[in-house]
Every structure is written in structure tokens, then in C-alpha cells.
C-alpha atoms as a PDB file:
ATOM      1  CA  UNK A   1     -72.714  62.423   0.581  1.00  0.00           C
ATOM      2  CA  UNK A   2     -70.521  62.846  -2.483  1.00  0.00           C
ATOM      3  CA  UNK A   3     -67.389  61.985  -0.449  1.00  0.00           C
ATOM      4  CA  UNK A   4     -69.064  58.859   0.981  1.00  0.00           C
ATOM      5  CA  UNK A   5     -70.096  57.805  -2.502  1.00  0.00           C
ATOM      6  CA  UNK A   6     -66.526  58.287  -3.771  1.00  0.00           C
ATOM      7  CA  UNK A   7     -65.072  56.164  -0.955  1.00  0.00           C
ATOM      8  CA  UNK A   8     -67.647  53.407  -1.483  1.00  0.00           C
ATOM      9  CA  UNK A   9     -66.937  53.348  -5.219  1.00  0.00           C
ATOM     10  CA  UNK A  10     -63.192  53.184  -4.596  1.00  0.00           C
ATOM     11  CA  UNK A  11     -63.576  50.299  -2.181  1.00  0.00           C
ATOM     12  CA  UNK A  12     -65.755  48.360  -4.632  1.00  0.00           C
ATOM     13  CA  UNK A  13     -63.143  48.856  -7.371  1.00  0.00           C
ATOM     14  CA  UNK A  14     -60.451  47.064  -5.360  1.00  0.00           C
ATOM     15  CA  UNK A  15     -59.886  43.414  -6.324  1.00  0.00           C
ATOM     16  CA  UNK A  16     -60.125  40.809  -3.587  1.00  0.00           C
ATOM     17  CA  UNK A  17     -56.648  39.484  -4.416  1.00  0.00           C
ATOM     18  CA  UNK A  18     -53.538  40.598  -6.261  1.00  0.00           C
ATOM     19  CA  UNK A  19     -50.765  38.479  -7.748  1.00  0.00           C
ATOM     20  CA  UNK A  20     -47.648  38.364  -5.599  1.00  0.00           C
ATOM     21  CA  UNK A  21     -45.723  35.509  -7.240  1.00  0.00           C
ATOM     22  CA  UNK A  22     -46.124  34.337 -10.823  1.00  0.00           C
ATOM     23  CA  UNK A  23     -46.034  30.705 -11.935  1.00  0.00           C
ATOM     24  CA  UNK A  24     -42.238  30.642 -12.347  1.00  0.00           C
ATOM     25  CA  UNK A  25     -41.603  31.758  -8.785  1.00  0.00           C
ATOM     26  CA  UNK A  26     -44.153  29.265  -7.483  1.00  0.00           C
ATOM     27  CA  UNK A  27     -42.558  26.375  -9.388  1.00  0.00           C
ATOM     28  CA  UNK A  28     -39.116  27.395  -8.113  1.00  0.00           C
ATOM     29  CA  UNK A  29     -40.396  27.497  -4.540  1.00  0.00           C
ATOM     30  CA  UNK A  30     -42.110  24.098  -4.816  1.00  0.00           C
ATOM     31  CA  UNK A  31     -38.947  22.527  -6.238  1.00  0.00           C
ATOM     32  CA  UNK A  32     -36.920  24.088  -3.436  1.00  0.00           C
ATOM     33  CA  UNK A  33     -39.396  22.912  -0.804  1.00  0.00           C
ATOM     34  CA  UNK A  34     -39.664  19.311  -2.018  1.00  0.00           C
ATOM     35  CA  UNK A  35     -35.925  18.871  -2.593  1.00  0.00           C
ATOM     36  CA  UNK A  36     -35.225  20.386   0.837  1.00  0.00           C
ATOM     37  CA  UNK A  37     -37.594  17.968   2.588  1.00  0.00           C
ATOM     38  CA  UNK A  38     -36.126  14.959   0.773  1.00  0.00           C
ATOM     39  CA  UNK A  39     -32.607  16.119   1.642  1.00  0.00           C
ATOM     40  CA  UNK A  40     -33.651  16.628   5.249  1.00  0.00           C
ATOM     41  CA  UNK A  41     -35.135  13.158   5.777  1.00  0.00           C
ATOM     42  CA  UNK A  42     -32.528  11.209   3.802  1.00  0.00           C
ATOM     43  CA  UNK A  43     -29.497  13.204   4.955  1.00  0.00           C
ATOM     44  CA  UNK A  44     -30.137  13.065   8.676  1.00  0.00           C
ATOM     45  CA  UNK A  45     -31.284   9.448   8.523  1.00  0.00           C
ATOM     46  CA  UNK A  46     -27.930   8.568   6.941  1.00  0.00           C
ATOM     47  CA  UNK A  47     -25.923  10.787   9.294  1.00  0.00           C
ATOM     48  CA  UNK A  48     -27.499   9.286  12.426  1.00  0.00           C
ATOM     49  CA  UNK A  49     -28.041   5.798  11.043  1.00  0.00           C
ATOM     50  CA  UNK A  50     -27.469   4.227  14.480  1.00  0.00           C
ATOM     51  CA  UNK A  51     -30.679   5.825  15.794  1.00  0.00           C
ATOM     52  CA  UNK A  52     -33.721   3.543  15.565  1.00  0.00           C
ATOM     53  CA  UNK A  53     -35.928   6.245  14.013  1.00  0.00           C
ATOM     54  CA  UNK A  54     -33.305   6.857  11.329  1.00  0.00           C
ATOM     55  CA  UNK A  55     -33.164   3.156  10.536  1.00  0.00           C
ATOM     56  CA  UNK A  56     -36.907   3.197   9.966  1.00  0.00           C
ATOM     57  CA  UNK A  57     -36.574   6.105   7.552  1.00  0.00           C
ATOM     58  CA  UNK A  58     -33.727   4.377   5.706  1.00  0.00           C
ATOM     59  CA  UNK A  59     -35.890   1.264   5.286  1.00  0.00           C
ATOM     60  CA  UNK A  60     -38.701   3.453   3.888  1.00  0.00           C
ATOM     61  CA  UNK A  61     -36.283   4.829   1.303  1.00  0.00           C
ATOM     62  CA  UNK A  62     -35.160   1.321   0.318  1.00  0.00           C
ATOM     63  CA  UNK A  63     -31.938   0.955   2.279  1.00  0.00           C
ATOM     64  CA  UNK A  64     -28.818   3.079   2.729  1.00  0.00           C
ATOM     65  CA  UNK A  65     -27.644   2.742  -0.871  1.00  0.00           C
ATOM     66  CA  UNK A  66     -30.956   3.885  -2.360  1.00  0.00           C
ATOM     67  CA  UNK A  67     -31.360   6.564   0.320  1.00  0.00           C
ATOM     68  CA  UNK A  68     -27.932   7.950  -0.594  1.00  0.00           C
ATOM     69  CA  UNK A  69     -28.843   7.996  -4.258  1.00  0.00           C
ATOM     70  CA  UNK A  70     -32.141   9.781  -3.548  1.00  0.00           C
ATOM     71  CA  UNK A  71     -30.224  12.285  -1.419  1.00  0.00           C
ATOM     72  CA  UNK A  72     -27.850  13.098  -4.270  1.00  0.00           C
ATOM     73  CA  UNK A  73     -30.689  13.403  -6.796  1.00  0.00           C
ATOM     74  CA  UNK A  74     -32.509  15.810  -4.474  1.00  0.00           C
ATOM     75  CA  UNK A  75     -29.322  17.825  -4.029  1.00  0.00           C
ATOM     76  CA  UNK A  76     -28.787  18.149  -7.771  1.00  0.00           C
ATOM     77  CA  UNK A  77     -32.462  19.114  -8.138  1.00  0.00           C
ATOM     78  CA  UNK A  78     -31.985  21.918  -5.620  1.00  0.00           C
ATOM     79  CA  UNK A  79     -28.896  23.194  -7.438  1.00  0.00           C
ATOM     80  CA  UNK A  80     -30.684  23.088 -10.808  1.00  0.00           C
ATOM     81  CA  UNK A  81     -33.637  24.907  -9.270  1.00  0.00           C
ATOM     82  CA  UNK A  82     -31.273  27.636  -8.044  1.00  0.00           C
ATOM     83  CA  UNK A  83     -29.819  27.941 -11.545  1.00  0.00           C
ATOM     84  CA  UNK A  84     -33.365  28.132 -12.928  1.00  0.00           C
ATOM     85  CA  UNK A  85     -34.087  30.990 -10.537  1.00  0.00           C
ATOM     86  CA  UNK A  86     -30.951  32.907 -11.521  1.00  0.00           C
ATOM     87  CA  UNK A  87     -31.599  32.429 -15.233  1.00  0.00           C
ATOM     88  CA  UNK A  88     -35.173  33.614 -14.803  1.00  0.00           C
ATOM     89  CA  UNK A  89     -33.961  36.727 -12.987  1.00  0.00           C
ATOM     90  CA  UNK A  90     -31.542  37.395 -15.852  1.00  0.00           C
ATOM     91  CA  UNK A  91     -34.390  36.946 -18.330  1.00  0.00           C
ATOM     92  CA  UNK A  92     -36.558  39.453 -16.453  1.00  0.00           C
ATOM     93  CA  UNK A  93     -33.652  41.886 -16.285  1.00  0.00           C
ATOM     94  CA  UNK A  94     -33.068  41.584 -20.042  1.00  0.00           C
ATOM     95  CA  UNK A  95     -36.779  42.228 -20.684  1.00  0.00           C
ATOM     96  CA  UNK A  96     -36.777  45.281 -18.408  1.00  0.00           C
ATOM     97  CA  UNK A  97     -39.189  43.597 -15.968  1.00  0.00           C
ATOM     98  CA  UNK A  98     -36.764  43.104 -13.111  1.00  0.00           C
ATOM     99  CA  UNK A  99     -38.050  44.239  -9.715  1.00  0.00           C
ATOM    100  CA  UNK A 100     -35.492  45.217  -7.101  1.00  0.00           C
ATOM    101  CA  UNK A 101     -37.805  44.879  -4.095  1.00  0.00           C
ATOM    102  CA  UNK A 102     -35.596  42.248  -2.433  1.00  0.00           C
ATOM    103  CA  UNK A 103     -32.457  44.383  -2.394  1.00  0.00           C
ATOM    104  CA  UNK A 104     -31.718  45.529   1.200  1.00  0.00           C
ATOM    105  CA  UNK A 105     -31.920  49.304   1.679  1.00  0.00           C
ATOM    106  CA  UNK A 106     -31.252  51.694   4.597  1.00  0.00           C
ATOM    107  CA  UNK A 107     -35.007  51.724   5.219  1.00  0.00           C
ATOM    108  CA  UNK A 108     -34.786  48.073   6.304  1.00  0.00           C
ATOM    109  CA  UNK A 109     -32.575  49.030   9.232  1.00  0.00           C
ATOM    110  CA  UNK A 110     -35.006  51.808  10.140  1.00  0.00           C
ATOM    111  CA  UNK A 111     -37.874  49.304   9.965  1.00  0.00           C
ATOM    112  CA  UNK A 112     -35.943  46.896  12.192  1.00  0.00           C
ATOM    113  CA  UNK A 113     -35.432  49.643  14.769  1.00  0.00           C
ATOM    114  CA  UNK A 114     -39.076  50.742  14.572  1.00  0.00           C
ATOM    115  CA  UNK A 115     -40.262  47.146  14.883  1.00  0.00           C
ATOM    116  CA  UNK A 116     -38.285  46.652  18.089  1.00  0.00           C
ATOM    117  CA  UNK A 117     -39.793  49.845  19.465  1.00  0.00           C
ATOM    118  CA  UNK A 118     -43.276  48.606  18.536  1.00  0.00           C
ATOM    119  CA  UNK A 119     -42.771  45.178  20.145  1.00  0.00           C
ATOM    120  CA  UNK A 120     -41.401  46.807  23.298  1.00  0.00           C
ATOM    121  CA  UNK A 121     -44.433  49.061  23.540  1.00  0.00           C
ATOM    122  CA  UNK A 122     -42.438  52.256  22.980  1.00  0.00           C
ATOM    123  CA  UNK A 123     -44.637  53.240  20.043  1.00  0.00           C
ATOM    124  CA  UNK A 124     -48.110  52.354  18.816  1.00  0.00           C
ATOM    125  CA  UNK A 125     -47.207  52.636  15.126  1.00  0.00           C
ATOM    126  CA  UNK A 126     -45.998  49.638  13.175  1.00  0.00           C
ATOM    127  CA  UNK A 127     -43.318  50.179  10.538  1.00  0.00           C
ATOM    128  CA  UNK A 128     -44.781  50.629   7.054  1.00  0.00           C
ATOM    129  CA  UNK A 129     -43.377  47.887   4.846  1.00  0.00           C
ATOM    130  CA  UNK A 130     -43.121  47.774   1.088  1.00  0.00           C
ATOM    131  CA  UNK A 131     -43.517  44.651  -1.017  1.00  0.00           C
ATOM    132  CA  UNK A 132     -41.104  42.715   1.192  1.00  0.00           C
ATOM    133  CA  UNK A 133     -40.162  43.214   4.824  1.00  0.00           C
ATOM    134  CA  UNK A 134     -36.605  43.127   6.127  1.00  0.00           C
ATOM    135  CA  UNK A 135     -37.356  39.646   7.520  1.00  0.00           C
ATOM    136  CA  UNK A 136     -38.391  38.364   4.109  1.00  0.00           C
ATOM    137  CA  UNK A 137     -35.315  39.879   2.487  1.00  0.00           C
ATOM    138  CA  UNK A 138     -33.056  38.174   5.022  1.00  0.00           C
ATOM    139  CA  UNK A 139     -34.971  34.939   4.429  1.00  0.00           C
ATOM    140  CA  UNK A 140     -34.386  35.227   0.680  1.00  0.00           C
ATOM    141  CA  UNK A 141     -30.677  36.045   0.737  1.00  0.00           C
ATOM    142  CA  UNK A 142     -29.906  33.401   3.364  1.00  0.00           C
ATOM    143  CA  UNK A 143     -30.799  30.779   0.756  1.00  0.00           C
ATOM    144  CA  UNK A 144     -27.973  31.929  -1.514  1.00  0.00           C
ATOM    145  CA  UNK A 145     -25.420  31.435   1.262  1.00  0.00           C
ATOM    146  CA  UNK A 146     -26.873  28.062   2.213  1.00  0.00           C
ATOM    147  CA  UNK A 147     -26.996  26.774  -1.359  1.00  0.00           C
ATOM    148  CA  UNK A 148     -23.380  27.826  -1.954  1.00  0.00           C
ATOM    149  CA  UNK A 149     -22.023  26.112   1.178  1.00  0.00           C
ATOM    150  CA  UNK A 150     -24.194  23.000   1.064  1.00  0.00           C
ATOM    151  CA  UNK A 151     -24.133  22.710  -2.727  1.00  0.00           C
ATOM    152  CA  UNK A 152     -20.366  22.971  -3.250  1.00  0.00           C
ATOM    153  CA  UNK A 153     -19.508  20.696  -0.334  1.00  0.00           C
ATOM    154  CA  UNK A 154     -22.252  18.252  -1.329  1.00  0.00           C
ATOM    155  CA  UNK A 155     -21.006  18.015  -4.912  1.00  0.00           C
ATOM    156  CA  UNK A 156     -17.476  17.393  -3.671  1.00  0.00           C
ATOM    157  CA  UNK A 157     -18.652  14.614  -1.357  1.00  0.00           C
ATOM    158  CA  UNK A 158     -20.904  13.096  -4.024  1.00  0.00           C
ATOM    159  CA  UNK A 159     -18.197  13.096  -6.691  1.00  0.00           C
ATOM    160  CA  UNK A 160     -14.933  12.732  -4.735  1.00  0.00           C
ATOM    161  CA  UNK A 161     -12.737  11.651  -7.653  1.00  0.00           C
ATOM    162  CA  UNK A 162     -13.710  14.744  -9.627  1.00  0.00           C
ATOM    163  CA  UNK A 163     -13.394  17.032  -6.602  1.00  0.00           C
ATOM    164  CA  UNK A 164      -9.939  15.633  -5.793  1.00  0.00           C
ATOM    165  CA  UNK A 165      -8.629  17.225  -8.978  1.00  0.00           C
ATOM    166  CA  UNK A 166      -9.258  20.668  -7.429  1.00  0.00           C
ATOM    167  CA  UNK A 167      -7.882  19.922  -3.950  1.00  0.00           C
ATOM    168  CA  UNK A 168      -4.159  20.599  -3.465  1.00  0.00           C
ATOM    169  CA  UNK A 169      -2.108  17.642  -2.286  1.00  0.00           C
ATOM    170  CA  UNK A 170      -1.062  19.585   0.818  1.00  0.00           C
ATOM    171  CA  UNK A 171      -4.718  19.914   1.874  1.00  0.00           C
ATOM    172  CA  UNK A 172      -5.903  16.337   1.420  1.00  0.00           C
ATOM    173  CA  UNK A 173      -5.386  15.518   5.113  1.00  0.00           C
ATOM    174  CA  UNK A 174      -8.000  18.013   6.265  1.00  0.00           C
ATOM    175  CA  UNK A 175      -9.983  19.104   3.184  1.00  0.00           C
ATOM    176  CA  UNK A 176     -12.405  16.185   3.213  1.00  0.00           C
ATOM    177  CA  UNK A 177     -13.074  16.534   6.915  1.00  0.00           C
ATOM    178  CA  UNK A 178     -13.719  20.242   6.388  1.00  0.00           C
ATOM    179  CA  UNK A 179     -16.095  19.547   3.497  1.00  0.00           C
ATOM    180  CA  UNK A 180     -18.026  17.045   5.605  1.00  0.00           C
ATOM    181  CA  UNK A 181     -18.346  19.517   8.494  1.00  0.00           C
ATOM    182  CA  UNK A 182     -19.410  22.307   6.125  1.00  0.00           C
ATOM    183  CA  UNK A 183     -22.077  20.132   4.565  1.00  0.00           C
ATOM    184  CA  UNK A 184     -23.397  18.655   7.796  1.00  0.00           C
ATOM    185  CA  UNK A 185     -23.364  21.760   9.990  1.00  0.00           C
ATOM    186  CA  UNK A 186     -24.729  24.113   7.350  1.00  0.00           C
ATOM    187  CA  UNK A 187     -27.523  21.600   6.698  1.00  0.00           C
ATOM    188  CA  UNK A 188     -28.362  21.629  10.408  1.00  0.00           C
ATOM    189  CA  UNK A 189     -28.390  25.430  10.392  1.00  0.00           C
ATOM    190  CA  UNK A 190     -30.643  25.451   7.315  1.00  0.00           C
ATOM    191  CA  UNK A 191     -33.083  22.997   8.897  1.00  0.00           C
ATOM    192  CA  UNK A 192     -33.332  25.008  12.114  1.00  0.00           C
ATOM    193  CA  UNK A 193     -33.680  28.247  10.164  1.00  0.00           C
ATOM    194  CA  UNK A 194     -36.459  26.903   7.947  1.00  0.00           C
ATOM    195  CA  UNK A 195     -38.390  25.252  10.773  1.00  0.00           C
ATOM    196  CA  UNK A 196     -38.179  28.014  13.365  1.00  0.00           C
ATOM    197  CA  UNK A 197     -37.833  31.170  11.248  1.00  0.00           C
ATOM    198  CA  UNK A 198     -39.372  30.696   7.831  1.00  0.00           C
ATOM    199  CA  UNK A 199     -42.280  28.439   8.824  1.00  0.00           C
ATOM    200  CA  UNK A 200     -43.292  30.641  11.715  1.00  0.00           C
ATOM    201  CA  UNK A 201     -43.051  33.978   9.904  1.00  0.00           C
ATOM    202  CA  UNK A 202     -44.806  32.787   6.756  1.00  0.00           C
ATOM    203  CA  UNK A 203     -47.251  30.172   8.049  1.00  0.00           C
ATOM    204  CA  UNK A 204     -47.612  29.945  11.811  1.00  0.00           C
ATOM    205  CA  UNK A 205     -48.132  33.579  12.761  1.00  0.00           C
ATOM    206  CA  UNK A 206     -51.630  34.193  14.166  1.00  0.00           C
ATOM    207  CA  UNK A 207     -52.445  36.400  11.157  1.00  0.00           C
ATOM    208  CA  UNK A 208     -51.950  33.560   8.643  1.00  0.00           C
ATOM    209  CA  UNK A 209     -52.250  30.358  10.753  1.00  0.00           C
ATOM    210  CA  UNK A 210     -52.459  27.509   9.856  1.00  0.00           C
ATOM    211  CA  UNK A 211     -50.815  28.364   6.534  1.00  0.00           C
ATOM    212  CA  UNK A 212     -50.354  31.144   4.032  1.00  0.00           C
ATOM    213  CA  UNK A 213     -51.610  30.056   0.617  1.00  0.00           C
ATOM    214  CA  UNK A 214     -49.491  32.565  -1.311  1.00  0.00           C
ATOM    215  CA  UNK A 215     -46.857  29.963  -2.201  1.00  0.00           C
ATOM    216  CA  UNK A 216     -49.541  27.852  -3.936  1.00  0.00           C
ATOM    217  CA  UNK A 217     -51.933  30.409  -5.436  1.00  0.00           C
ATOM    218  CA  UNK A 218     -49.395  33.181  -5.892  1.00  0.00           C
ATOM    219  CA  UNK A 219     -52.014  35.663  -4.707  1.00  0.00           C
ATOM    220  CA  UNK A 220     -52.431  37.742  -1.576  1.00  0.00           C
ATOM    221  CA  UNK A 221     -55.676  39.272  -0.373  1.00  0.00           C
ATOM    222  CA  UNK A 222     -56.005  43.015  -0.714  1.00  0.00           C
ATOM    223  CA  UNK A 223     -56.812  43.202   3.003  1.00  0.00           C
ATOM    224  CA  UNK A 224     -53.603  41.379   3.950  1.00  0.00           C
ATOM    225  CA  UNK A 225     -51.616  43.497   1.515  1.00  0.00           C
ATOM    226  CA  UNK A 226     -52.971  46.700   3.057  1.00  0.00           C
ATOM    227  CA  UNK A 227     -52.213  45.537   6.609  1.00  0.00           C
ATOM    228  CA  UNK A 228     -48.795  43.913   6.113  1.00  0.00           C
ATOM    229  CA  UNK A 229     -47.412  45.838   3.123  1.00  0.00           C
ATOM    230  CA  UNK A 230     -49.094  49.267   3.163  1.00  0.00           C
ATOM    231  CA  UNK A 231     -46.501  50.954   0.925  1.00  0.00           C
ATOM    232  CA  UNK A 232     -46.980  48.286  -1.741  1.00  0.00           C
ATOM    233  CA  UNK A 233     -50.743  48.629  -1.397  1.00  0.00           C
ATOM    234  CA  UNK A 234     -50.546  52.378  -1.927  1.00  0.00           C
ATOM    235  CA  UNK A 235     -48.254  51.873  -4.910  1.00  0.00           C
ATOM    236  CA  UNK A 236     -50.708  49.495  -6.571  1.00  0.00           C
ATOM    237  CA  UNK A 237     -53.862  51.385  -5.563  1.00  0.00           C
ATOM    238  CA  UNK A 238     -52.866  55.016  -5.025  1.00  0.00           C
ATOM    239  CA  UNK A 239     -56.366  56.486  -5.340  1.00  0.00           C
ATOM    240  CA  UNK A 240     -58.476  54.028  -3.258  1.00  0.00           C
ATOM    241  CA  UNK A 241     -55.879  53.512  -0.524  1.00  0.00           C
ATOM    242  CA  UNK A 242     -55.911  56.985   0.978  1.00  0.00           C
ATOM    243  CA  UNK A 243     -59.672  57.503   1.408  1.00  0.00           C
ATOM    244  CA  UNK A 244     -60.123  53.945   2.711  1.00  0.00           C
ATOM    245  CA  UNK A 245     -57.337  54.372   5.246  1.00  0.00           C
ATOM    246  CA  UNK A 246     -58.752  57.757   6.312  1.00  0.00           C
ATOM    247  CA  UNK A 247     -62.187  56.260   6.781  1.00  0.00           C
ATOM    248  CA  UNK A 248     -60.795  53.456   8.898  1.00  0.00           C
ATOM    249  CA  UNK A 249     -59.002  55.875  11.189  1.00  0.00           C
ATOM    250  CA  UNK A 250     -62.126  58.032  11.584  1.00  0.00           C
ATOM    251  CA  UNK A 251     -64.207  55.005  12.566  1.00  0.00           C
ATOM    252  CA  UNK A 252     -61.668  54.051  15.221  1.00  0.00           C
END
């Protein structure tokens, strides 16, 4: 009876939700999301302007000249948002509040291997993830690569006279073509990655469909935290986690 009372008390002491992303991270994500969508619709409408659907989008944006200007403003917004994110990370590091949960570790490769074994039915145990899974870490670091390629090439194409000062005369015959390909193809890769990787893993999975609200509220339910990030759950709630998990296994 005493053990049952202890478990019940521990379960009642757990909050329904815990904060996963503070207001700064949420603002940065919203800026990234909105600028990305604007870049997507304006950029591909301008690239394939001969397509009837693209012409409709260009008319919505006020014509090709205005659409191009909106595209450049959205691009600069995305770059400034990335700088905001880096400065905020530096601020947290200076205050001693920096969390290194997104740094890849050898455990991520072990989790990847264990996840394949689980999906193939070779084991019944899921890998035990911490605050972020290896998929989420890859998702995060892919943005840095994309911003660097798209951002630098986009700035060069948006401000050609300034960019020409940094391009050697011997490279002018092919440099601009290369910059255009870098910008266009990396944008296509980013769009496909976001639509088919990020949206599915974070919003369309059966566990969170039709959408995860974490990016808006910044909070995750304790139940979801325990199921998807058990190591983080046990770190935050070391005492309640173990008896609750034991009880669940006994009931099964």
C-alpha cells in the first residue's frame, strides 16, 4: 500500500507539460518558417515564370518586379534571423546557460543502428533518445549548410555590382552561372527536405498528426516527453520516472 501511495503521489506531482523551446527559439523558428515560405512561392514563381500557375502567383505578388523585391526582402530576413540565432547562442554561452543537446555524439550512430533494427523487426526495444533525436540533430545542422549556400549565392545575385568586386576576372565567365545553379538547386533541395522530411517527422507522424504545437506553445506534454525522449524525461524527473515506468511494465 505504501509503494502504491508513493507511485500515485509521484505521478500527481508531474506537470502536464514542460517547456521545450523558450520565446526566443519560437520567434526564430517563426521568422525562418515565414521567410522560407515567401522565398519558396516567389522564387519558384519567378524561376518558372512561363508556367501558368507561376504567372498567377506573380500577379498575386504584384508583378515580377515586386515579386523579386519581396523575394530579396525575405532572403535578407532569413539571413538576419540566422544571425539572431547565432547571437542568442553566444549570449547563452556567455551566461553559462548553453545546452549542447544538439551536438552529434557517438550515441546518435548507435541510435540510428538500433532504430533500423527496430523498424526491421529485429528487436522490440526502441532506442532511448535524449532531448533531441539523431533525426532532429540532422534537421538542425542541415539548415546551417542550406543558409550558407543559398544565402551567399543569393546575396551575390541580388547585389551583383558589389559581388563582382570579389570575383576574379578569370572566373567571370562561369562564376555567375555557378552562383545561379547553387542558389536554384540548393533551394530545390531545401524545399524537398522541408516538405518530405521535416514536415513529416515533426507534424505528420501518426503520433502528432495533424500538427505538433511545440513550435507555437514551446511546450511538450509530459506523456510525449516520456515516450519520445525517455532519457530527457528521466533527467528532468528522476524520482517519478522510474516507479511510473516500472508500474507501466507490470501492467503490461
